[in-house]
Amino acid sequence: MASRSSSFHSGHRESLGDFEVECAWSTYDFWALMDELVDDRSGFWNNRAYLLDAFVDKRLYVLTVEQCPMELYNDPMFAHSLDGHVAERLLPCFCVLSKTDDSCCDIVWTHTRARRLGLASTLLNHLCVTSANNELVEAKPFWEAFWGSGADDPNLM
């Protein structure tokens, strides 16, 4: 598979237009996100059974682009399966809400190549998340900024 390691740039966010937060419903999108976890060498891959349960329970939320110009579909900003197929409109990020509290985040993830564009913050703000379970040490700067005054900062994860 060709590497998709190129990163987004701030112009991508402006060129995409409006984002939509939606409950993941497509199995193709679910597996494209799992492939993105592999591509990113993310430790969340070890939580794949939990992520599948969240998908089945309709607690897995994704960020999509409402209307995207066709010429951007092959851009590395979109989620891809390991065989290189583009998951149209799907960005490489997700949020899992708690089973017991839909204002609590169990997992939020953004692919390394798409960080610092405000994708995770957009998900969390739209879902009205007010708490998080088990914040990871490596994500501490993100959470501090999100819970602090930086929640609307587009340069957060």
Protein backbone atom coordinates (compact mmCIF):
# COMPACT_ATOMS: atom_id res chain seq x y z
CA MET A 1 0.00 0.00 0.00
CA ALA A 2 1.22 3.47 -0.80
CA SER A 3 2.02 5.56 2.22
CA ARG A 4 -0.43 8.28 3.15
CA SER A 5 1.92 9.92 5.60
CA SER A 6 1.66 13.38 4.12
CA SER A 7 0.00 15.70 6.57
CA PHE A 8 -2.88 18.08 6.21
CA HIS A 9 -2.24 21.76 6.11
CA SER A 10 -4.41 24.55 7.46
CA GLY A 11 -5.81 25.28 3.99
CA HIS A 12 -7.46 21.85 3.92
CA ARG A 13 -9.89 22.77 6.66
CA GLU A 14 -11.04 25.86 4.80
CA SER A 15 -11.32 24.04 1.47
CA LEU A 16 -13.48 21.29 2.95
CA GLY A 17 -16.41 23.44 3.93
CA ASP A 18 -18.82 22.27 6.62
CA PHE A 19 -18.30 19.20 8.76
CA GLU A 20 -21.00 16.81 9.90
CA VAL A 21 -20.82 14.69 13.03
CA GLU A 22 -22.76 11.49 12.60
CA CYS A 23 -23.14 8.13 14.22
CA ALA A 24 -21.08 5.63 12.25
CA TRP A 25 -23.50 3.41 10.38
CA SER A 26 -21.51 2.11 7.41
CA THR A 27 -19.53 -1.09 7.92
CA TYR A 28 -17.22 0.07 5.12
CA ASP A 29 -16.47 3.26 7.07
CA PHE A 30 -15.93 1.27 10.27
CA TRP A 31 -13.33 -0.95 8.61
CA ALA A 32 -11.69 2.03 6.89
CA LEU A 33 -11.23 3.57 10.35
CA MET A 34 -9.78 0.31 11.67
CA ASP A 35 -7.36 0.31 8.71
CA GLU A 36 -6.44 3.91 9.59
CA LEU A 37 -5.62 2.79 13.14
CA VAL A 38 -3.24 0.20 11.66
CA ASP A 39 -1.74 2.79 9.30
CA ASP A 40 -1.21 5.17 12.23
CA ARG A 41 0.27 2.39 14.41
CA SER A 42 -2.24 3.48 17.04
CA GLY A 43 -2.52 1.65 20.33
CA PHE A 44 -6.29 1.95 19.96
CA TRP A 45 -6.04 -0.99 17.53
CA ASN A 46 -5.79 -3.09 20.71
CA ASN A 47 -9.29 -1.84 21.59
CA ARG A 48 -10.81 -3.10 18.32
CA ALA A 49 -13.35 -5.38 20.05
CA TYR A 50 -14.48 -2.41 22.18
CA LEU A 51 -14.66 -0.23 19.05
CA LEU A 52 -16.75 -2.87 17.28
CA ASP A 53 -19.10 -3.00 20.29
CA ALA A 54 -19.37 0.80 20.21
CA PHE A 55 -20.18 0.65 16.48
CA VAL A 56 -22.90 -1.96 17.05
CA ASP A 57 -24.26 0.00 20.05
CA LYS A 58 -24.31 3.24 17.98
CA ARG A 59 -21.84 5.02 20.28
CA LEU A 60 -19.12 5.50 17.63
CA TYR A 61 -19.25 8.95 16.04
CA VAL A 62 -17.35 10.14 13.00
CA LEU A 63 -16.62 13.39 11.27
CA THR A 64 -17.56 13.73 7.62
CA VAL A 65 -17.45 16.53 5.08
CA GLU A 66 -20.91 17.68 4.07
CA GLN A 67 -20.14 18.50 0.46
CA CYS A 68 -16.71 17.85 -0.91
CA PRO A 69 -15.36 18.69 -4.36
CA MET A 70 -14.59 15.51 -6.30
CA GLU A 71 -10.98 16.57 -6.86
CA LEU A 72 -10.33 16.27 -3.13
CA TYR A 73 -11.50 12.64 -2.80
CA ASN A 74 -8.02 11.22 -3.40
CA ASP A 75 -6.46 13.61 -0.94
CA PRO A 76 -4.76 11.96 2.07
CA MET A 77 -7.09 13.92 4.37
CA PHE A 78 -9.80 11.31 3.87
CA ALA A 79 -9.87 7.92 5.52
CA HIS A 80 -8.64 5.07 3.32
CA SER A 81 -8.79 1.32 3.60
CA LEU A 82 -5.49 -0.56 3.56
CA ASP A 83 -6.07 -1.44 -0.10
CA GLY A 84 -6.09 2.29 -0.87
CA HIS A 85 -9.81 2.84 -1.46
CA VAL A 86 -11.11 6.18 -0.25
CA ALA A 87 -13.94 6.28 2.28
CA GLU A 88 -15.76 9.22 0.69
CA ARG A 89 -16.35 12.20 2.97
CA LEU A 90 -14.98 10.35 6.05
CA LEU A 91 -12.15 12.02 7.96
CA PRO A 92 -9.64 9.88 9.92
CA CYS A 93 -11.02 10.53 13.39
CA PHE A 94 -13.71 9.24 15.72
CA CYS A 95 -15.21 9.53 19.19
CA VAL A 96 -16.76 6.79 21.34
CA LEU A 97 -19.27 7.86 23.94
CA SER A 98 -19.68 6.07 27.26
CA LYS A 99 -22.32 3.33 27.60
CA THR A 100 -23.71 4.99 30.72
CA ASP A 101 -23.27 8.72 30.04
CA ASP A 102 -23.61 10.19 26.56
CA SER A 103 -21.85 13.37 27.66
CA CYS A 104 -18.73 11.37 28.54
CA CYS A 105 -16.07 10.39 26.02
CA ASP A 106 -14.47 6.95 26.32
CA ILE A 107 -12.16 7.33 23.31
CA VAL A 108 -11.34 10.15 20.94
CA TRP A 109 -8.81 9.56 18.17
CA THR A 110 -7.43 11.50 15.23
CA HIS A 111 -4.86 10.11 12.82
CA THR A 112 -1.42 11.66 13.32
CA ARG A 113 -1.51 13.17 9.82
CA ALA A 114 -4.74 15.05 10.66
CA ARG A 115 -3.96 16.40 14.12
CA ARG A 116 -3.98 20.04 15.17
CA LEU A 117 -6.80 20.98 12.81
CA GLY A 118 -9.56 20.96 15.41
CA LEU A 119 -11.16 17.70 14.22
CA ALA A 120 -11.32 16.09 17.68
CA SER A 121 -12.49 19.35 19.24
CA THR A 122 -15.22 19.62 16.60
CA LEU A 123 -16.41 16.10 17.43
CA LEU A 124 -16.36 16.68 21.19
CA ASN A 125 -18.04 20.09 21.01
CA HIS A 126 -20.79 18.87 18.67
CA LEU A 127 -21.48 15.85 20.90
CA CYS A 128 -21.59 18.13 23.99
CA VAL A 129 -18.93 16.09 25.79
CA THR A 130 -18.33 17.36 29.32
CA SER A 131 -16.05 14.62 30.67
CA ALA A 132 -13.69 11.88 29.56
CA ASN A 133 -12.80 8.47 30.93
CA ASN A 134 -9.15 7.46 31.23
CA GLU A 135 -7.45 10.40 29.54
CA LEU A 136 -4.17 9.17 28.07
CA VAL A 137 -0.96 10.73 29.36
CA GLU A 138 0.23 11.45 25.80
CA ALA A 139 -3.01 13.35 25.14
CA LYS A 140 -2.71 15.50 28.26
CA PRO A 141 -1.88 18.74 26.35
CA PHE A 142 -4.97 18.25 24.17
CA TRP A 143 -7.28 17.63 27.12
CA GLU A 144 -5.86 20.53 29.13
CA ALA A 145 -6.45 22.86 26.21
CA PHE A 146 -9.88 21.39 25.50
CA TRP A 147 -11.12 21.65 29.09
CA GLY A 148 -9.48 25.06 29.43
CA SER A 149 -10.04 28.13 27.35
CA GLY A 150 -8.77 26.48 24.15
CA ALA A 151 -11.86 24.33 23.38
CA ASP A 152 -12.67 26.42 20.32
CA ASP A 153 -9.08 26.59 19.11
CA PRO A 154 -8.95 25.11 15.58
CA ASN A 155 -5.32 24.07 16.16
CA LEU A 156 -6.23 21.46 18.75
CA MET A 157 -6.40 17.79 17.80
